[in-house]
C-alpha atoms as a PDB file:
ATOM      1  CA  MET A   1      61.259 107.919 120.957  1.00  0.00           C
ATOM      2  CA  ARG A   2      62.547 111.471 120.588  1.00  0.00           C
ATOM      3  CA  LYS A   3      64.224 112.803 117.482  1.00  0.00           C
ATOM      4  CA  SER A   4      67.477 113.200 119.388  1.00  0.00           C
ATOM      5  CA  ASP A   5      67.397 109.476 120.294  1.00  0.00           C
ATOM      6  CA  ILE A   6      67.072 108.602 116.622  1.00  0.00           C
ATOM      7  CA  LEU A   7      69.990 110.916 115.812  1.00  0.00           C
ATOM      8  CA  PHE A   8      72.261 109.380 118.452  1.00  0.00           C
ATOM      9  CA  LEU A   9      71.249 105.859 117.456  1.00  0.00           C
ATOM     10  CA  SER A  10      72.060 106.547 113.798  1.00  0.00           C
ATOM     11  CA  LEU A  11      75.386 108.148 114.798  1.00  0.00           C
ATOM     12  CA  ALA A  12      76.248 105.091 116.882  1.00  0.00           C
ATOM     13  CA  VAL A  13      75.414 102.733 114.013  1.00  0.00           C
ATOM     14  CA  GLN A  14      77.490 104.825 111.625  1.00  0.00           C
ATOM     15  CA  MET A  15      80.450 104.848 114.021  1.00  0.00           C
ATOM     16  CA  VAL A  16      80.288 101.041 114.288  1.00  0.00           C
ATOM     17  CA  LEU A  17      80.158 100.775 110.493  1.00  0.00           C
ATOM     18  CA  LEU A  18      83.115 103.134 110.189  1.00  0.00           C
ATOM     19  CA  PHE A  19      85.092 101.003 112.633  1.00  0.00           C
ATOM     20  CA  PHE A  20      84.331  97.872 110.594  1.00  0.00           C
ATOM     21  CA  LEU A  21      85.387  99.654 107.389  1.00  0.00           C
ATOM     22  CA  PHE A  22      88.768 100.512 108.891  1.00  0.00           C
ATOM     23  CA  ALA A  23      89.144  97.009 110.336  1.00  0.00           C
ATOM     24  CA  HIS A  24      88.338  95.473 106.945  1.00  0.00           C
ATOM     25  CA  ALA A  25      90.846  97.759 105.212  1.00  0.00           C
ATOM     26  CA  ALA A  26      93.584  96.782 107.671  1.00  0.00           C
ATOM     27  CA  HIS A  27      92.770  93.096 107.212  1.00  0.00           C
ATOM     28  CA  ARG A  28      92.830  93.380 103.395  1.00  0.00           C
ATOM     29  CA  LYS A  29      96.104  95.286 103.511  1.00  0.00           C
ATOM     30  CA  MET A  30      97.747  92.469 105.416  1.00  0.00           C
ATOM     31  CA  ALA A  31      96.209  89.845 103.139  1.00  0.00           C
ATOM     32  CA  ASP A  32      97.298  91.644  99.959  1.00  0.00           C
ATOM     33  CA  ILE A  33     100.982  92.087 100.859  1.00  0.00           C
ATOM     34  CA  PRO A  34     102.145  88.868  99.108  1.00  0.00           C
ATOM     35  CA  ARG A  35     100.234  89.769  95.935  1.00  0.00           C
ATOM     36  CA  ILE A  36     101.654  93.305  95.914  1.00  0.00           C
ATOM     37  CA  ARG A  37     105.184  91.954  96.367  1.00  0.00           C
ATOM     38  CA  GLU A  38     104.616  89.484  93.532  1.00  0.00           C
ATOM     39  CA  LYS A  39     103.458  92.250  91.197  1.00  0.00           C
ATOM     40  CA  GLY A  40     106.426  94.374  92.232  1.00  0.00           C
ATOM     41  CA  GLU A  41     108.757  91.519  91.321  1.00  0.00           C
ATOM     42  CA  ILE A  42     107.079  91.178  87.916  1.00  0.00           C
ATOM     43  CA  VAL A  43     107.486  94.911  87.288  1.00  0.00           C
ATOM     44  CA  ARG A  44     111.150  94.768  88.303  1.00  0.00           C
ATOM     45  CA  ARG A  45     111.884  91.653  86.237  1.00  0.00           C
ATOM     46  CA  LEU A  46     110.126  92.893  83.090  1.00  0.00           C
ATOM     47  CA  GLY A  47     111.383  96.462  83.445  1.00  0.00           C
ATOM     48  CA  LEU A  48     107.951  98.043  83.098  1.00  0.00           C
ATOM     49  CA  THR A  49     108.008 101.821  82.926  1.00  0.00           C
ATOM     50  CA  ASP A  50     104.990 103.823  83.998  1.00  0.00           C
ATOM     51  CA  LEU A  51     101.747 103.472  85.796  1.00  0.00           C
ATOM     52  CA  CYS A  52      98.625 103.930  83.659  1.00  0.00           C
ATOM     53  CA  LEU A  53      96.962 106.897  85.346  1.00  0.00           C
ATOM     54  CA  PHE A  54      93.978 107.468  83.097  1.00  0.00           C
ATOM     55  CA  THR A  55      92.202 105.293  80.537  1.00  0.00           C
ATOM     56  CA  GLU A  56      90.657 107.947  78.315  1.00  0.00           C
ATOM     57  CA  ALA A  57      93.181 109.153  75.783  1.00  0.00           C
ATOM     58  CA  ARG A  58      96.484 107.647  74.755  1.00  0.00           C
ATOM     59  CA  TYR A  59      98.400 110.795  75.716  1.00  0.00           C
ATOM     60  CA  THR A  60      97.100 110.594  79.285  1.00  0.00           C
ATOM     61  CA  ARG A  61      97.685 106.865  79.727  1.00  0.00           C
ATOM     62  CA  HIS A  62     101.469 107.032  79.714  1.00  0.00           C
ATOM     63  CA  ILE A  63     102.506 110.648  80.095  1.00  0.00           C
ATOM     64  CA  THR A  64     106.193 110.085  79.456  1.00  0.00           C
ATOM     65  CA  GLN A  65     105.473 108.263  76.194  1.00  0.00           C
ATOM     66  CA  ALA A  66     103.287 110.963  74.616  1.00  0.00           C
ATOM     67  CA  ASP A  67     104.383 113.566  72.088  1.00  0.00           C
ATOM     68  CA  LEU A  68     103.944 117.216  73.007  1.00  0.00           C
ATOM     69  CA  ASN A  69     101.451 117.790  70.195  1.00  0.00           C
ATOM     70  CA  THR A  70      99.332 114.687  70.814  1.00  0.00           C
ATOM     71  CA  PRO A  71      96.519 116.480  72.705  1.00  0.00           C
ATOM     72  CA  PHE A  72      96.096 118.727  69.659  1.00  0.00           C
ATOM     73  CA  GLN A  73      96.066 115.971  67.044  1.00  0.00           C
ATOM     74  CA  ASP A  74      92.638 116.958  65.722  1.00  0.00           C
ATOM     75  CA  HIS A  75      93.366 120.660  65.387  1.00  0.00           C
ATOM     76  CA  PRO A  76      96.105 122.911  66.835  1.00  0.00           C
ATOM     77  CA  LEU A  77      93.565 125.134  68.584  1.00  0.00           C
ATOM     78  CA  SER A  78      91.141 122.383  69.601  1.00  0.00           C
ATOM     79  CA  LEU A  79      89.885 122.237  73.154  1.00  0.00           C
ATOM     80  CA  GLU A  80      90.685 119.403  75.514  1.00  0.00           C
ATOM     81  CA  HIS A  81      88.259 116.507  74.971  1.00  0.00           C
ATOM     82  CA  PHE A  82      88.975 114.542  78.108  1.00  0.00           C
ATOM     83  CA  PRO A  83      88.762 115.686  81.739  1.00  0.00           C
ATOM     84  CA  SER A  84      92.020 113.944  82.653  1.00  0.00           C
ATOM     85  CA  GLY A  85      93.957 116.225  80.300  1.00  0.00           C
ATOM     86  CA  SER A  86      93.090 119.173  82.508  1.00  0.00           C
ATOM     87  CA  LEU A  87      94.562 117.407  85.560  1.00  0.00           C
ATOM     88  CA  LEU A  88      98.007 116.987  84.041  1.00  0.00           C
ATOM     89  CA  LEU A  89     100.505 119.807  84.029  1.00  0.00           C
ATOM     90  CA  PRO A  90     102.435 120.600  80.875  1.00  0.00           C
ATOM     91  CA  PRO A  91     106.118 119.623  80.867  1.00  0.00           C
ATOM     92  CA  ALA A  92     108.410 121.828  82.960  1.00  0.00           C
ATOM     93  CA  GLY A  93     110.053 123.297  79.858  1.00  0.00           C
ATOM     94  CA  LEU A  94     106.723 124.595  78.628  1.00  0.00           C
ATOM     95  CA  ARG A  95     105.680 126.022  81.990  1.00  0.00           C
ATOM     96  CA  ASP A  96     108.727 128.269  82.408  1.00  0.00           C
ATOM     97  CA  PHE A  97     108.547 130.910  79.705  1.00  0.00           C
ATOM     98  CA  ARG A  98     111.875 132.443  80.797  1.00  0.00           C
ATOM     99  CA  ALA A  99     113.790 129.215  80.199  1.00  0.00           C
ATOM    100  CA  PRO A 100     116.045 129.212  77.134  1.00  0.00           C
ATOM    101  CA  VAL A 101     114.868 127.214  74.139  1.00  0.00           C
ATOM    102  CA  PRO A 102     116.994 124.084  73.655  1.00  0.00           C
ATOM    103  CA  ALA A 103     119.224 124.096  70.569  1.00  0.00           C
ATOM    104  CA  GLU A 104     117.486 121.084  68.999  1.00  0.00           C
ATOM    105  CA  ARG A 105     114.170 122.971  69.040  1.00  0.00           C
ATOM    106  CA  ARG A 106     115.427 126.189  67.499  1.00  0.00           C
ATOM    107  CA  LYS A 107     114.650 126.729  63.854  1.00  0.00           C
ATOM    108  CA  GLY A 108     117.230 128.168  61.594  1.00  0.00           C
END
C-alpha cells in the first residue's frame, strides 16, 4: 500500500465522519426544538433579563447588572484577573472621549 493510498483512505474516512457529524447536528436540532421553545416560554413568563456569558467574575456574568468600577474592586489600577474581561468592550459612553459628560456624573 502506497503512502498516497493511506492519505486518500484517511481523507475518505474523515469525510464520512464529517458527514455524520453534520447529520447528527441536524437531527439534534430538530429534536431540541420543543425544549428550546419551552425554555423560551419560561424566560418570557418569568421576565428573565440577560444571558450569562461568562462564569468567572460577577461583573462578566451579567454585564448590564455590573457597576462601572466592579472590575477594579481590589485596586483602582489593578490588572484584569479574568480573560473574559478582556473580551468585553467598555460601555459606549466610556469609549467615546469626545462625548459630553452627563450632568449626573459631573462634580460640582
